[in-house]
């Protein structure tokens, strides 16, 4: 199985396809590369595609520390250098979307575009920061595993089999690593980083509820393109891949 050696850390990746703008898929919290399997397979027909397991997840090495968003983003930078990936479109889901924003703002030379698939809080309100700070503390406590399983169960995939698959996938990661990543989420704010992102960006949300941040994010980055999927939850790239794939295809054709 292919691994890249990043400062002594072995990161698992898969590459396929050829031609076109390269796409690099960055999975979310406690998810491995399979969370983007429908997109990886679809776009490999016309583009070079790469997908990864972040540190501590799937087939990649895990360490006791290094799970802040800047540190996870640093792994992606090093992976691109190791594999010779230049100007990829970063496609990040959930936590992966936050990492993509970190990269776009702090390493503007790296991405050729951003696709944020239901990303985590980029411009968090105080209540959101308070929630994730408390959530990290709970995950670090004696009941952390049960609390994580209950939280993941509420991801609300419409299909029961898919919902079970999501729970099994996300609960396979070691509990200290899962907690450390959420601690990193609670300490991160991407508002200024998003404002510094100069490349085209597409935001794909699963719903427009009362707390949706779409309007605030467009105030930060006025050229941010937005798409809303229908009939799916947070893992809409798995539940309704035909919708997500079509939005990405349109973005690649018209905006890059």
Protein backbone atom coordinates (compact mmCIF):
# COMPACT_ATOMS: atom_id res chain seq x y z
CA UNK A 1 0.00 0.00 0.00
CA UNK A 2 1.38 3.45 -0.88
CA UNK A 3 2.65 5.63 1.93
CA UNK A 4 4.47 8.95 1.83
CA UNK A 5 7.20 9.56 4.40
CA UNK A 6 6.54 13.00 5.90
CA UNK A 7 9.21 13.85 8.47
CA UNK A 8 9.22 10.23 9.64
CA UNK A 9 5.42 9.99 9.63
CA UNK A 10 3.97 7.54 7.13
CA UNK A 11 0.80 8.91 5.52
CA UNK A 12 -1.38 6.62 3.43
CA UNK A 13 -2.59 7.89 0.08
CA UNK A 14 -4.12 6.67 -3.17
CA UNK A 15 -3.64 8.20 -6.62
CA UNK A 16 -5.40 7.44 -9.88
CA UNK A 17 -6.39 8.93 -13.21
CA UNK A 18 -4.52 11.32 -15.46
CA UNK A 19 -4.90 14.72 -17.05
CA UNK A 20 -7.07 17.64 -16.10
CA UNK A 21 -6.78 19.69 -12.95
CA UNK A 22 -5.58 17.50 -10.07
CA UNK A 23 -8.00 17.00 -7.20
CA UNK A 24 -6.80 16.26 -3.67
CA UNK A 25 -9.46 14.89 -1.31
CA UNK A 26 -9.12 15.64 2.42
CA UNK A 27 -11.50 13.66 4.65
CA UNK A 28 -13.17 14.87 7.81
CA UNK A 29 -12.88 14.11 11.52
CA UNK A 30 -12.27 10.40 12.21
CA UNK A 31 -12.78 9.57 8.52
CA UNK A 32 -10.38 7.88 6.14
CA UNK A 33 -10.05 8.13 2.37
CA UNK A 34 -13.13 5.97 1.78
CA UNK A 35 -15.36 8.90 2.76
CA UNK A 36 -14.59 10.34 -0.69
CA UNK A 37 -14.75 7.08 -2.65
CA UNK A 38 -17.62 8.15 -4.96
CA UNK A 39 -15.77 11.34 -5.93
CA UNK A 40 -12.38 9.65 -6.24
CA UNK A 41 -13.74 7.01 -8.61
CA UNK A 42 -15.82 9.48 -10.60
CA UNK A 43 -13.17 12.11 -11.21
CA UNK A 44 -10.39 9.58 -11.85
CA UNK A 45 -11.99 9.12 -15.27
CA UNK A 46 -11.00 12.63 -16.34
CA UNK A 47 -8.55 14.02 -13.77
CA UNK A 48 -5.57 13.03 -11.69
CA UNK A 49 -6.94 12.40 -8.20
CA UNK A 50 -5.31 11.83 -4.83
CA UNK A 51 -6.94 10.93 -1.54
CA UNK A 52 -5.31 10.59 1.87
CA UNK A 53 -5.69 9.35 5.41
CA UNK A 54 -4.80 12.12 7.85
CA UNK A 55 -2.38 11.27 10.65
CA UNK A 56 -3.83 8.90 13.20
CA UNK A 57 -6.58 7.70 10.86
CA UNK A 58 -6.94 4.63 8.67
CA UNK A 59 -3.62 3.35 7.34
CA UNK A 60 -1.59 6.42 8.36
CA UNK A 61 0.68 6.57 11.38
CA UNK A 62 -0.57 8.15 14.57
CA UNK A 63 1.37 10.21 17.08
CA UNK A 64 0.56 11.38 20.58
CA UNK A 65 0.51 15.03 19.46
CA UNK A 66 0.21 17.13 16.32
CA UNK A 67 -3.57 17.26 15.76
CA UNK A 68 -4.20 20.99 15.52
CA UNK A 69 -5.56 22.18 12.19
CA UNK A 70 -2.30 23.98 11.26
CA UNK A 71 -0.35 20.79 12.00
CA UNK A 72 -2.73 18.62 9.97
CA UNK A 73 -2.48 21.14 7.14
CA UNK A 74 1.30 20.97 7.38
CA UNK A 75 1.10 17.24 6.69
CA UNK A 76 -0.83 17.94 3.50
CA UNK A 77 1.77 20.49 2.39
CA UNK A 78 4.55 17.97 2.98
CA UNK A 79 2.61 15.22 1.20
CA UNK A 80 2.16 17.41 -1.88
CA UNK A 81 5.89 18.17 -1.90
CA UNK A 82 6.75 14.48 -1.54
CA UNK A 83 4.43 13.41 -4.38
CA UNK A 84 5.07 16.40 -6.65
CA UNK A 85 1.46 17.60 -6.55
CA UNK A 86 1.19 21.18 -7.82
CA UNK A 87 -1.82 23.50 -7.62
CA UNK A 88 -4.42 20.86 -6.76
CA UNK A 89 -8.04 21.66 -6.16
CA UNK A 90 -8.43 20.86 -2.47
CA UNK A 91 -11.72 19.07 -1.82
CA UNK A 92 -12.28 18.88 1.94
CA UNK A 93 -15.21 17.45 3.87
CA UNK A 94 -16.05 18.71 7.37
CA UNK A 95 -12.68 18.98 9.17
CA UNK A 96 -11.08 18.58 5.75
CA UNK A 97 -12.81 21.77 4.61
CA UNK A 98 -11.28 23.64 7.54
CA UNK A 99 -7.86 22.25 6.62
CA UNK A 100 -8.40 23.42 3.03
CA UNK A 101 -9.13 26.96 4.26
CA UNK A 102 -6.01 26.84 6.46
CA UNK A 103 -3.98 25.88 3.42
CA UNK A 104 -5.58 28.47 1.16
CA UNK A 105 -4.91 31.28 3.62
CA UNK A 106 -1.52 30.27 5.01
CA UNK A 107 -0.04 28.54 1.95
CA UNK A 108 -1.51 30.45 -1.01
CA UNK A 109 1.06 28.97 -3.36
CA UNK A 110 -0.36 25.46 -2.88
CA UNK A 111 -4.02 25.23 -3.99
CA UNK A 112 -5.51 25.95 -7.37
CA UNK A 113 -9.01 26.08 -5.89
CA UNK A 114 -11.06 25.02 -2.87
CA UNK A 115 -14.17 22.87 -2.60
CA UNK A 116 -15.58 22.93 0.94
CA UNK A 117 -18.00 20.03 1.41
CA UNK A 118 -20.12 20.85 4.47
CA UNK A 119 -17.05 22.17 6.31
CA UNK A 120 -16.79 22.55 10.06
CA UNK A 121 -16.97 26.02 11.64
CA UNK A 122 -14.78 28.41 9.66
CA UNK A 123 -16.01 31.62 11.29
CA UNK A 124 -17.28 30.21 14.60
CA UNK A 125 -19.68 32.17 16.75
CA UNK A 126 -18.96 32.28 20.51
CA UNK A 127 -21.59 29.62 21.17
CA UNK A 128 -19.89 27.31 18.66
CA UNK A 129 -16.50 27.78 20.29
CA UNK A 130 -18.08 27.05 23.66
CA UNK A 131 -19.70 23.88 22.30
CA UNK A 132 -16.50 22.44 20.82
CA UNK A 133 -14.46 23.35 23.88
CA UNK A 134 -16.95 21.47 26.05
CA UNK A 135 -17.14 18.62 23.55
CA UNK A 136 -13.35 18.22 23.63
CA UNK A 137 -13.46 18.05 27.43
CA UNK A 138 -16.18 15.41 27.30
CA UNK A 139 -14.25 13.33 24.76
CA UNK A 140 -11.18 13.50 26.99
CA UNK A 141 -13.20 12.27 29.98
CA UNK A 142 -14.04 8.74 31.15
CA UNK A 143 -17.22 8.55 29.06
CA UNK A 144 -15.57 9.92 25.93
CA UNK A 145 -16.09 6.87 23.74
CA UNK A 146 -19.83 6.68 24.48
CA UNK A 147 -20.18 10.43 23.91
CA UNK A 148 -18.39 10.20 20.56
CA UNK A 149 -20.57 7.30 19.41
CA UNK A 150 -23.75 9.20 20.34
CA UNK A 151 -22.51 12.34 18.54
CA UNK A 152 -21.57 10.43 15.40
CA UNK A 153 -24.90 8.60 15.43
CA UNK A 154 -26.62 11.98 15.05
CA UNK A 155 -24.96 12.59 11.66
CA UNK A 156 -28.37 11.49 10.33
CA UNK A 157 -27.69 9.71 7.08
CA UNK A 158 -31.08 8.97 5.52
CA UNK A 159 -30.12 5.38 4.67
CA UNK A 160 -29.75 3.09 7.70
CA UNK A 161 -26.94 1.03 6.19
CA UNK A 162 -24.98 4.18 5.37
CA UNK A 163 -25.61 5.52 8.87
CA UNK A 164 -24.18 2.34 10.40
CA UNK A 165 -21.16 2.52 8.10
CA UNK A 166 -20.48 6.11 9.19
CA UNK A 167 -20.63 5.18 12.88
CA UNK A 168 -18.28 2.21 12.41
CA UNK A 169 -15.86 4.28 10.34
CA UNK A 170 -15.67 7.22 12.72
CA UNK A 171 -15.49 5.17 15.91
CA UNK A 172 -12.53 3.11 14.63
CA UNK A 173 -10.08 5.94 15.36
CA UNK A 174 -8.37 5.79 18.74
CA UNK A 175 -10.25 7.88 21.30
CA UNK A 176 -7.30 10.12 22.35
CA UNK A 177 -6.74 11.07 18.71
CA UNK A 178 -10.43 11.83 18.17
CA UNK A 179 -10.42 14.06 21.26
CA UNK A 180 -7.18 15.81 20.27
CA UNK A 181 -8.57 16.76 16.87
CA UNK A 182 -11.71 18.27 18.42
CA UNK A 183 -9.48 20.21 20.80
CA UNK A 184 -7.74 21.57 17.71
CA UNK A 185 -11.09 22.49 16.16
CA UNK A 186 -12.09 24.41 19.31
CA UNK A 187 -8.88 26.47 19.15
CA UNK A 188 -9.05 27.36 15.44
CA UNK A 189 -10.65 30.35 13.71
CA UNK A 190 -10.53 30.54 9.93
CA UNK A 191 -12.14 33.93 9.34
CA UNK A 192 -8.94 35.78 8.46
CA UNK A 193 -7.59 32.77 6.58
CA UNK A 194 -10.68 32.57 4.37
CA UNK A 195 -10.37 36.30 3.68
CA UNK A 196 -6.81 35.68 2.47
CA UNK A 197 -7.83 32.85 0.11
CA UNK A 198 -7.39 34.26 -3.39
CA UNK A 199 -8.28 31.15 -5.37
CA UNK A 200 -11.84 30.33 -6.45
CA UNK A 201 -13.83 28.47 -3.81
CA UNK A 202 -17.05 26.46 -3.76
CA UNK A 203 -19.04 25.82 -0.58
CA UNK A 204 -21.45 22.87 -0.67
CA UNK A 205 -23.88 22.76 2.25
CA UNK A 206 -26.34 19.99 3.07
CA UNK A 207 -29.01 22.38 4.34
CA UNK A 208 -29.91 26.01 5.04
CA UNK A 209 -30.98 26.14 8.67
CA UNK A 210 -31.23 29.07 11.09
CA UNK A 211 -27.56 28.68 12.09
CA UNK A 212 -26.15 28.26 8.59
CA UNK A 213 -23.09 30.42 8.02
CA UNK A 214 -23.41 30.88 4.25
CA UNK A 215 -24.15 34.62 4.33
CA UNK A 216 -21.37 35.33 6.84
CA UNK A 217 -18.85 33.38 4.79
CA UNK A 218 -19.84 35.24 1.62
CA UNK A 219 -19.27 38.52 3.43
CA UNK A 220 -15.74 37.33 4.18
CA UNK A 221 -15.12 36.01 0.65
CA UNK A 222 -17.60 37.68 -1.71
CA UNK A 223 -16.70 35.47 -4.67
CA UNK A 224 -17.49 32.29 -2.73
CA UNK A 225 -19.79 30.07 -4.79
CA UNK A 226 -22.48 28.15 -2.92
CA UNK A 227 -24.43 24.98 -3.64
CA UNK A 228 -27.07 23.22 -1.52
CA UNK A 229 -27.78 19.50 -1.85
CA UNK A 230 -31.20 17.92 -1.43
CA UNK A 231 -32.18 14.78 0.46
CA UNK A 232 -29.02 14.11 2.47
CA UNK A 233 -27.19 15.00 5.67
CA UNK A 234 -23.63 15.87 6.59
CA UNK A 235 -22.17 13.03 4.49
CA UNK A 236 -23.91 14.14 1.32
CA UNK A 237 -20.87 13.23 -0.82
CA UNK A 238 -21.72 9.62 0.12
CA UNK A 239 -25.52 9.88 0.17
CA UNK A 240 -26.10 11.94 -2.99
CA UNK A 241 -22.79 11.78 -4.88
CA UNK A 242 -24.46 12.61 -8.17
CA UNK A 243 -25.40 16.06 -6.82
CA UNK A 244 -22.02 16.76 -5.24
CA UNK A 245 -20.10 15.51 -8.29
CA UNK A 246 -22.18 17.68 -10.64
CA UNK A 247 -21.50 20.80 -8.54
CA UNK A 248 -17.77 20.10 -8.51
CA UNK A 249 -17.75 19.46 -12.26
CA UNK A 250 -19.52 22.76 -12.91
CA UNK A 251 -17.10 24.60 -10.63
CA UNK A 252 -14.08 23.08 -12.39
CA UNK A 253 -15.47 23.93 -15.82
CA UNK A 254 -16.52 27.52 -15.18
CA UNK A 255 -14.47 28.88 -12.29
CA UNK A 256 -10.96 27.46 -12.77
